[in-house]
């Protein structure tokens, strides 16, 4: 039997370094006649917003701990429409004060709908029932990865697609790039190797998910 040795190499990236590395995924941001064109293949929303506002000469302030990967292509659209699309995709909202856009996660009291605008539901909607924790057999599902200097979120996305098990990352998980060579490996073993190498941790939720967080 072949003995396969998984290899995980960690590349810890500071926020500023990560912004520089995104030149390969933010393809284009430009303005013409008040309209913008944006194409992004996996850029973080922070970098998309930064370039969008920079190119349109508009001021903005972004709430800390925002992270969301974007895939989009917008050509010749108004700045406001592009901003609305980006914010809606990333679960963000904004308000304008003295010409400055303040952007943050959607929450009550930050650009939220007023009480008078909300129509009560006919009857309460029960939340969906939790599906329970993953079983040992589900963690033995096999996967294969061959990644070099790849965002950890993309590695987990591939693992989810191969196993059908959703892997979710907390917003404060560092934006690591890793080499991940895992050939015909179980999901549980792959998770153990990756979190050990990146000094993260994972837990099994009560809704058939794997949650990755900082120790």
C-alpha atoms as a PDB file:
ATOM      1  CA  UNK A   1       0.000   0.000   0.000  1.00  0.00           C
ATOM      2  CA  UNK A   2       1.356   3.433  -0.876  1.00  0.00           C
ATOM      3  CA  UNK A   3       2.074   5.678   2.024  1.00  0.00           C
ATOM      4  CA  UNK A   4       0.765   9.122   1.188  1.00  0.00           C
ATOM      5  CA  UNK A   5       2.042  12.038   3.233  1.00  0.00           C
ATOM      6  CA  UNK A   6      -0.108  15.177   3.213  1.00  0.00           C
ATOM      7  CA  UNK A   7       1.860  18.403   3.076  1.00  0.00           C
ATOM      8  CA  UNK A   8       0.546  21.666   4.486  1.00  0.00           C
ATOM      9  CA  UNK A   9       2.660  24.828   4.303  1.00  0.00           C
ATOM     10  CA  UNK A  10       1.402  27.996   5.932  1.00  0.00           C
ATOM     11  CA  UNK A  11       1.818  31.477   4.567  1.00  0.00           C
ATOM     12  CA  UNK A  12       0.542  33.959   7.181  1.00  0.00           C
ATOM     13  CA  UNK A  13      -0.454  37.208   5.527  1.00  0.00           C
ATOM     14  CA  UNK A  14      -0.914  40.550   7.226  1.00  0.00           C
ATOM     15  CA  UNK A  15      -3.852  42.612   5.975  1.00  0.00           C
ATOM     16  CA  UNK A  16      -1.645  44.973   4.003  1.00  0.00           C
ATOM     17  CA  UNK A  17       0.208  42.114   2.348  1.00  0.00           C
ATOM     18  CA  UNK A  18      -3.051  40.442   1.463  1.00  0.00           C
ATOM     19  CA  UNK A  19      -4.255  43.618  -0.242  1.00  0.00           C
ATOM     20  CA  UNK A  20      -1.152  43.591  -2.402  1.00  0.00           C
ATOM     21  CA  UNK A  21      -1.628  39.926  -3.314  1.00  0.00           C
ATOM     22  CA  UNK A  22      -5.116  40.621  -4.657  1.00  0.00           C
ATOM     23  CA  UNK A  23      -3.816  42.189  -7.875  1.00  0.00           C
ATOM     24  CA  UNK A  24      -4.372  38.874  -9.581  1.00  0.00           C
ATOM     25  CA  UNK A  25      -8.041  38.623  -8.645  1.00  0.00           C
ATOM     26  CA  UNK A  26      -9.263  42.246  -8.935  1.00  0.00           C
ATOM     27  CA  UNK A  27      -9.041  42.439 -12.681  1.00  0.00           C
ATOM     28  CA  UNK A  28     -10.193  45.979 -13.330  1.00  0.00           C
ATOM     29  CA  UNK A  29     -11.703  49.032 -11.624  1.00  0.00           C
ATOM     30  CA  UNK A  30     -12.159  52.163 -13.712  1.00  0.00           C
ATOM     31  CA  UNK A  31     -14.463  55.127 -14.130  1.00  0.00           C
ATOM     32  CA  UNK A  32     -15.760  56.788 -17.255  1.00  0.00           C
ATOM     33  CA  UNK A  33     -18.514  59.440 -17.461  1.00  0.00           C
ATOM     34  CA  UNK A  34     -19.462  58.720 -13.863  1.00  0.00           C
ATOM     35  CA  UNK A  35     -19.781  54.983 -14.492  1.00  0.00           C
ATOM     36  CA  UNK A  36     -17.576  52.157 -13.254  1.00  0.00           C
ATOM     37  CA  UNK A  37     -16.416  48.765 -14.462  1.00  0.00           C
ATOM     38  CA  UNK A  38     -15.385  46.090 -11.953  1.00  0.00           C
ATOM     39  CA  UNK A  39     -14.322  42.477 -12.501  1.00  0.00           C
ATOM     40  CA  UNK A  40     -13.255  40.331  -9.532  1.00  0.00           C
ATOM     41  CA  UNK A  41     -12.322  36.648  -9.372  1.00  0.00           C
ATOM     42  CA  UNK A  42     -12.224  35.881  -5.663  1.00  0.00           C
ATOM     43  CA  UNK A  43     -11.137  39.260  -4.266  1.00  0.00           C
ATOM     44  CA  UNK A  44     -11.995  40.204  -0.693  1.00  0.00           C
ATOM     45  CA  UNK A  45     -14.807  42.773  -0.516  1.00  0.00           C
ATOM     46  CA  UNK A  46     -12.463  45.141   1.369  1.00  0.00           C
ATOM     47  CA  UNK A  47     -10.179  45.400  -1.640  1.00  0.00           C
ATOM     48  CA  UNK A  48     -13.064  45.723  -4.104  1.00  0.00           C
ATOM     49  CA  UNK A  49     -14.543  48.584  -2.041  1.00  0.00           C
ATOM     50  CA  UNK A  50     -11.169  50.282  -1.601  1.00  0.00           C
ATOM     51  CA  UNK A  51     -10.498  50.386  -5.335  1.00  0.00           C
ATOM     52  CA  UNK A  52     -14.099  51.306  -6.162  1.00  0.00           C
ATOM     53  CA  UNK A  53     -14.027  54.370  -3.883  1.00  0.00           C
ATOM     54  CA  UNK A  54     -10.471  55.308  -4.822  1.00  0.00           C
ATOM     55  CA  UNK A  55     -11.199  55.331  -8.540  1.00  0.00           C
ATOM     56  CA  UNK A  56     -14.427  57.310  -8.050  1.00  0.00           C
ATOM     57  CA  UNK A  57     -12.715  59.839  -5.729  1.00  0.00           C
ATOM     58  CA  UNK A  58     -15.293  59.213  -2.995  1.00  0.00           C
ATOM     59  CA  UNK A  59     -14.601  59.010   0.752  1.00  0.00           C
ATOM     60  CA  UNK A  60     -15.571  55.977   2.820  1.00  0.00           C
ATOM     61  CA  UNK A  61     -14.998  54.331   6.201  1.00  0.00           C
ATOM     62  CA  UNK A  62     -15.271  50.542   6.586  1.00  0.00           C
ATOM     63  CA  UNK A  63     -16.214  48.778   9.815  1.00  0.00           C
ATOM     64  CA  UNK A  64     -13.453  46.425  11.157  1.00  0.00           C
ATOM     65  CA  UNK A  65     -13.549  42.607  10.752  1.00  0.00           C
ATOM     66  CA  UNK A  66     -15.280  42.635   7.369  1.00  0.00           C
ATOM     67  CA  UNK A  67     -14.393  39.680   5.113  1.00  0.00           C
ATOM     68  CA  UNK A  68     -16.206  38.272   2.067  1.00  0.00           C
ATOM     69  CA  UNK A  69     -14.947  36.745  -1.187  1.00  0.00           C
ATOM     70  CA  UNK A  70     -16.534  38.242  -4.313  1.00  0.00           C
ATOM     71  CA  UNK A  71     -16.927  36.945  -7.846  1.00  0.00           C
ATOM     72  CA  UNK A  72     -18.485  39.588 -10.075  1.00  0.00           C
ATOM     73  CA  UNK A  73     -18.231  41.466 -13.353  1.00  0.00           C
ATOM     74  CA  UNK A  74     -19.939  44.850 -13.731  1.00  0.00           C
ATOM     75  CA  UNK A  75     -19.424  46.951 -16.848  1.00  0.00           C
ATOM     76  CA  UNK A  76     -20.475  50.571 -17.306  1.00  0.00           C
ATOM     77  CA  UNK A  77     -22.758  50.916 -14.284  1.00  0.00           C
ATOM     78  CA  UNK A  78     -23.374  53.911 -12.025  1.00  0.00           C
ATOM     79  CA  UNK A  79     -21.173  54.121  -8.943  1.00  0.00           C
ATOM     80  CA  UNK A  80     -24.179  53.962  -6.598  1.00  0.00           C
ATOM     81  CA  UNK A  81     -25.576  50.888  -8.347  1.00  0.00           C
ATOM     82  CA  UNK A  82     -22.187  49.123  -8.199  1.00  0.00           C
ATOM     83  CA  UNK A  83     -21.880  49.953  -4.501  1.00  0.00           C
ATOM     84  CA  UNK A  84     -25.383  48.607  -3.793  1.00  0.00           C
ATOM     85  CA  UNK A  85     -24.619  45.347  -5.619  1.00  0.00           C
ATOM     86  CA  UNK A  86     -21.312  44.816  -3.775  1.00  0.00           C
ATOM     87  CA  UNK A  87     -22.893  45.572  -0.380  1.00  0.00           C
ATOM     88  CA  UNK A  88     -25.897  43.301  -1.007  1.00  0.00           C
ATOM     89  CA  UNK A  89     -23.653  40.401  -2.036  1.00  0.00           C
ATOM     90  CA  UNK A  90     -21.450  40.792   1.049  1.00  0.00           C
ATOM     91  CA  UNK A  91     -24.283  41.398   3.540  1.00  0.00           C
ATOM     92  CA  UNK A  92     -23.258  45.018   4.123  1.00  0.00           C
ATOM     93  CA  UNK A  93     -25.081  48.339   4.306  1.00  0.00           C
ATOM     94  CA  UNK A  94     -24.014  51.958   4.271  1.00  0.00           C
ATOM     95  CA  UNK A  95     -25.081  55.459   5.179  1.00  0.00           C
ATOM     96  CA  UNK A  96     -23.743  58.784   3.947  1.00  0.00           C
ATOM     97  CA  UNK A  97     -22.818  61.528   6.401  1.00  0.00           C
ATOM     98  CA  UNK A  98     -21.150  64.784   5.246  1.00  0.00           C
ATOM     99  CA  UNK A  99     -20.236  63.159   1.954  1.00  0.00           C
ATOM    100  CA  UNK A 100     -18.550  60.171   3.616  1.00  0.00           C
ATOM    101  CA  UNK A 101     -19.885  56.627   3.118  1.00  0.00           C
ATOM    102  CA  UNK A 102     -19.884  54.628   6.367  1.00  0.00           C
ATOM    103  CA  UNK A 103     -20.053  50.893   5.562  1.00  0.00           C
ATOM    104  CA  UNK A 104     -20.689  48.018   7.970  1.00  0.00           C
ATOM    105  CA  UNK A 105     -22.430  44.686   8.457  1.00  0.00           C
ATOM    106  CA  UNK A 106     -26.211  44.749   8.277  1.00  0.00           C
ATOM    107  CA  UNK A 107     -27.600  45.299  11.746  1.00  0.00           C
ATOM    108  CA  UNK A 108     -30.373  47.100  13.542  1.00  0.00           C
ATOM    109  CA  UNK A 109     -29.834  50.846  13.767  1.00  0.00           C
ATOM    110  CA  UNK A 110     -27.338  51.111  10.898  1.00  0.00           C
ATOM    111  CA  UNK A 111     -29.336  52.138   7.845  1.00  0.00           C
ATOM    112  CA  UNK A 112     -32.061  49.733   8.995  1.00  0.00           C
ATOM    113  CA  UNK A 113     -35.739  49.984   8.127  1.00  0.00           C
ATOM    114  CA  UNK A 114     -37.725  51.961  10.674  1.00  0.00           C
ATOM    115  CA  UNK A 115     -40.429  50.275  12.745  1.00  0.00           C
ATOM    116  CA  UNK A 116     -43.183  52.154  10.918  1.00  0.00           C
ATOM    117  CA  UNK A 117     -42.011  50.668   7.611  1.00  0.00           C
ATOM    118  CA  UNK A 118     -42.169  47.048   8.805  1.00  0.00           C
ATOM    119  CA  UNK A 119     -45.372  45.133   8.168  1.00  0.00           C
ATOM    120  CA  UNK A 120     -46.120  42.457  10.786  1.00  0.00           C
ATOM    121  CA  UNK A 121     -46.325  38.875   9.582  1.00  0.00           C
ATOM    122  CA  UNK A 122     -49.647  37.095   9.640  1.00  0.00           C
ATOM    123  CA  UNK A 123     -48.152  34.545  12.025  1.00  0.00           C
ATOM    124  CA  UNK A 124     -44.656  33.781  13.343  1.00  0.00           C
ATOM    125  CA  UNK A 125     -42.458  31.600  11.190  1.00  0.00           C
ATOM    126  CA  UNK A 126     -40.766  28.810  13.100  1.00  0.00           C
ATOM    127  CA  UNK A 127     -37.011  28.587  12.521  1.00  0.00           C
ATOM    128  CA  UNK A 128     -35.897  25.503  10.592  1.00  0.00           C
ATOM    129  CA  UNK A 129     -35.033  22.527  12.762  1.00  0.00           C
ATOM    130  CA  UNK A 130     -31.332  21.835  13.317  1.00  0.00           C
ATOM    131  CA  UNK A 131     -30.022  18.778  11.480  1.00  0.00           C
ATOM    132  CA  UNK A 132     -27.744  17.553  14.270  1.00  0.00           C
ATOM    133  CA  UNK A 133     -23.996  16.963  14.378  1.00  0.00           C
ATOM    134  CA  UNK A 134     -21.961  15.145  11.754  1.00  0.00           C
ATOM    135  CA  UNK A 135     -21.499  11.417  12.249  1.00  0.00           C
ATOM    136  CA  UNK A 136     -18.182   9.586  12.245  1.00  0.00           C
ATOM    137  CA  UNK A 137     -19.001   8.041   8.877  1.00  0.00           C
ATOM    138  CA  UNK A 138     -19.551  11.498   7.346  1.00  0.00           C
ATOM    139  CA  UNK A 139     -16.131  12.617   8.563  1.00  0.00           C
ATOM    140  CA  UNK A 140     -14.625   9.601   6.759  1.00  0.00           C
ATOM    141  CA  UNK A 141     -15.768  10.900   3.361  1.00  0.00           C
ATOM    142  CA  UNK A 142     -12.798  10.974   0.978  1.00  0.00           C
ATOM    143  CA  UNK A 143     -11.327  14.014  -0.776  1.00  0.00           C
ATOM    144  CA  UNK A 144      -8.277  15.040  -2.785  1.00  0.00           C
ATOM    145  CA  UNK A 145      -6.680  18.498  -2.947  1.00  0.00           C
ATOM    146  CA  UNK A 146      -3.708  19.779  -4.916  1.00  0.00           C
ATOM    147  CA  UNK A 147      -3.300  23.445  -4.014  1.00  0.00           C
ATOM    148  CA  UNK A 148      -0.289  25.761  -3.997  1.00  0.00           C
ATOM    149  CA  UNK A 149      -0.352  29.116  -2.166  1.00  0.00           C
ATOM    150  CA  UNK A 150      -4.162  29.094  -2.228  1.00  0.00           C
ATOM    151  CA  UNK A 151      -6.513  31.008   0.059  1.00  0.00           C
ATOM    152  CA  UNK A 152      -7.584  28.772   2.927  1.00  0.00           C
ATOM    153  CA  UNK A 153     -11.224  29.651   2.185  1.00  0.00           C
ATOM    154  CA  UNK A 154     -10.870  28.255  -1.355  1.00  0.00           C
ATOM    155  CA  UNK A 155      -9.268  25.066  -0.020  1.00  0.00           C
ATOM    156  CA  UNK A 156     -12.197  24.538   2.359  1.00  0.00           C
ATOM    157  CA  UNK A 157     -14.650  25.323  -0.459  1.00  0.00           C
ATOM    158  CA  UNK A 158     -13.167  22.520  -2.567  1.00  0.00           C
ATOM    159  CA  UNK A 159     -13.351  20.127   0.382  1.00  0.00           C
ATOM    160  CA  UNK A 160     -17.024  21.047   0.915  1.00  0.00           C
ATOM    161  CA  UNK A 161     -17.855  20.475  -2.747  1.00  0.00           C
ATOM    162  CA  UNK A 162     -16.222  17.040  -2.722  1.00  0.00           C
ATOM    163  CA  UNK A 163     -17.848  15.825   0.504  1.00  0.00           C
ATOM    164  CA  UNK A 164     -21.147  17.720   0.597  1.00  0.00           C
ATOM    165  CA  UNK A 165     -20.254  18.954   4.113  1.00  0.00           C
ATOM    166  CA  UNK A 166     -20.434  22.730   4.619  1.00  0.00           C
ATOM    167  CA  UNK A 167     -17.309  24.290   6.170  1.00  0.00           C
ATOM    168  CA  UNK A 168     -17.852  27.796   7.550  1.00  0.00           C
ATOM    169  CA  UNK A 169     -15.151  30.270   8.662  1.00  0.00           C
ATOM    170  CA  UNK A 170     -15.533  32.855  11.409  1.00  0.00           C
ATOM    171  CA  UNK A 171     -15.000  36.422  10.190  1.00  0.00           C
ATOM    172  CA  UNK A 172     -11.812  36.818  12.246  1.00  0.00           C
ATOM    173  CA  UNK A 173     -10.035  33.793  10.754  1.00  0.00           C
ATOM    174  CA  UNK A 174      -6.732  35.106   9.224  1.00  0.00           C
ATOM    175  CA  UNK A 175      -6.484  35.157   5.450  1.00  0.00           C
ATOM    176  CA  UNK A 176      -3.890  32.423   5.111  1.00  0.00           C
ATOM    177  CA  UNK A 177      -2.559  31.064   1.837  1.00  0.00           C
ATOM    178  CA  UNK A 178      -1.537  27.424   2.079  1.00  0.00           C
ATOM    179  CA  UNK A 179      -0.136  24.537   0.083  1.00  0.00           C
ATOM    180  CA  UNK A 180      -2.489  21.591   0.563  1.00  0.00           C
ATOM    181  CA  UNK A 181      -1.619  18.227  -1.011  1.00  0.00           C
ATOM    182  CA  UNK A 182      -4.081  15.694   0.409  1.00  0.00           C
ATOM    183  CA  UNK A 183      -4.571  12.624  -1.747  1.00  0.00           C
ATOM    184  CA  UNK A 184      -7.583  10.334  -1.105  1.00  0.00           C
ATOM    185  CA  UNK A 185      -7.747  11.562   2.492  1.00  0.00           C
ATOM    186  CA  UNK A 186     -10.702  11.549   4.882  1.00  0.00           C
ATOM    187  CA  UNK A 187     -12.444  14.839   5.633  1.00  0.00           C
ATOM    188  CA  UNK A 188     -11.717  14.531   9.353  1.00  0.00           C
ATOM    189  CA  UNK A 189      -8.015  13.877   8.825  1.00  0.00           C
ATOM    190  CA  UNK A 190      -7.715  16.744   6.341  1.00  0.00           C
ATOM    191  CA  UNK A 191      -9.329  19.121   8.847  1.00  0.00           C
ATOM    192  CA  UNK A 192      -6.943  17.949  11.589  1.00  0.00           C
ATOM    193  CA  UNK A 193      -3.882  18.552   9.404  1.00  0.00           C
ATOM    194  CA  UNK A 194      -4.949  22.009   8.202  1.00  0.00           C
ATOM    195  CA  UNK A 195      -5.991  23.453  11.572  1.00  0.00           C
ATOM    196  CA  UNK A 196      -2.888  22.044  13.262  1.00  0.00           C
ATOM    197  CA  UNK A 197      -0.641  23.714  10.677  1.00  0.00           C
ATOM    198  CA  UNK A 198      -2.482  27.050  10.802  1.00  0.00           C
ATOM    199  CA  UNK A 199      -2.992  27.035  14.607  1.00  0.00           C
ATOM    200  CA  UNK A 200      -6.760  27.270  14.166  1.00  0.00           C
ATOM    201  CA  UNK A 201      -9.478  25.000  15.541  1.00  0.00           C
ATOM    202  CA  UNK A 202     -12.701  23.470  14.261  1.00  0.00           C
ATOM    203  CA  UNK A 203     -15.915  22.327  15.884  1.00  0.00           C
ATOM    204  CA  UNK A 204     -18.935  20.386  14.686  1.00  0.00           C
ATOM    205  CA  UNK A 205     -22.096  22.479  14.816  1.00  0.00           C
ATOM    206  CA  UNK A 206     -25.568  21.111  15.549  1.00  0.00           C
ATOM    207  CA  UNK A 207     -26.572  21.786  11.922  1.00  0.00           C
ATOM    208  CA  UNK A 208     -24.321  19.355   9.986  1.00  0.00           C
ATOM    209  CA  UNK A 209     -21.550  21.943   9.550  1.00  0.00           C
ATOM    210  CA  UNK A 210     -17.865  22.286  10.407  1.00  0.00           C
ATOM    211  CA  UNK A 211     -16.994  25.668  11.923  1.00  0.00           C
ATOM    212  CA  UNK A 212     -13.410  26.958  11.706  1.00  0.00           C
ATOM    213  CA  UNK A 213     -12.328  29.588  14.237  1.00  0.00           C
ATOM    214  CA  UNK A 214      -9.320  31.126  15.969  1.00  0.00           C
ATOM    215  CA  UNK A 215      -8.071  29.335  19.098  1.00  0.00           C
END
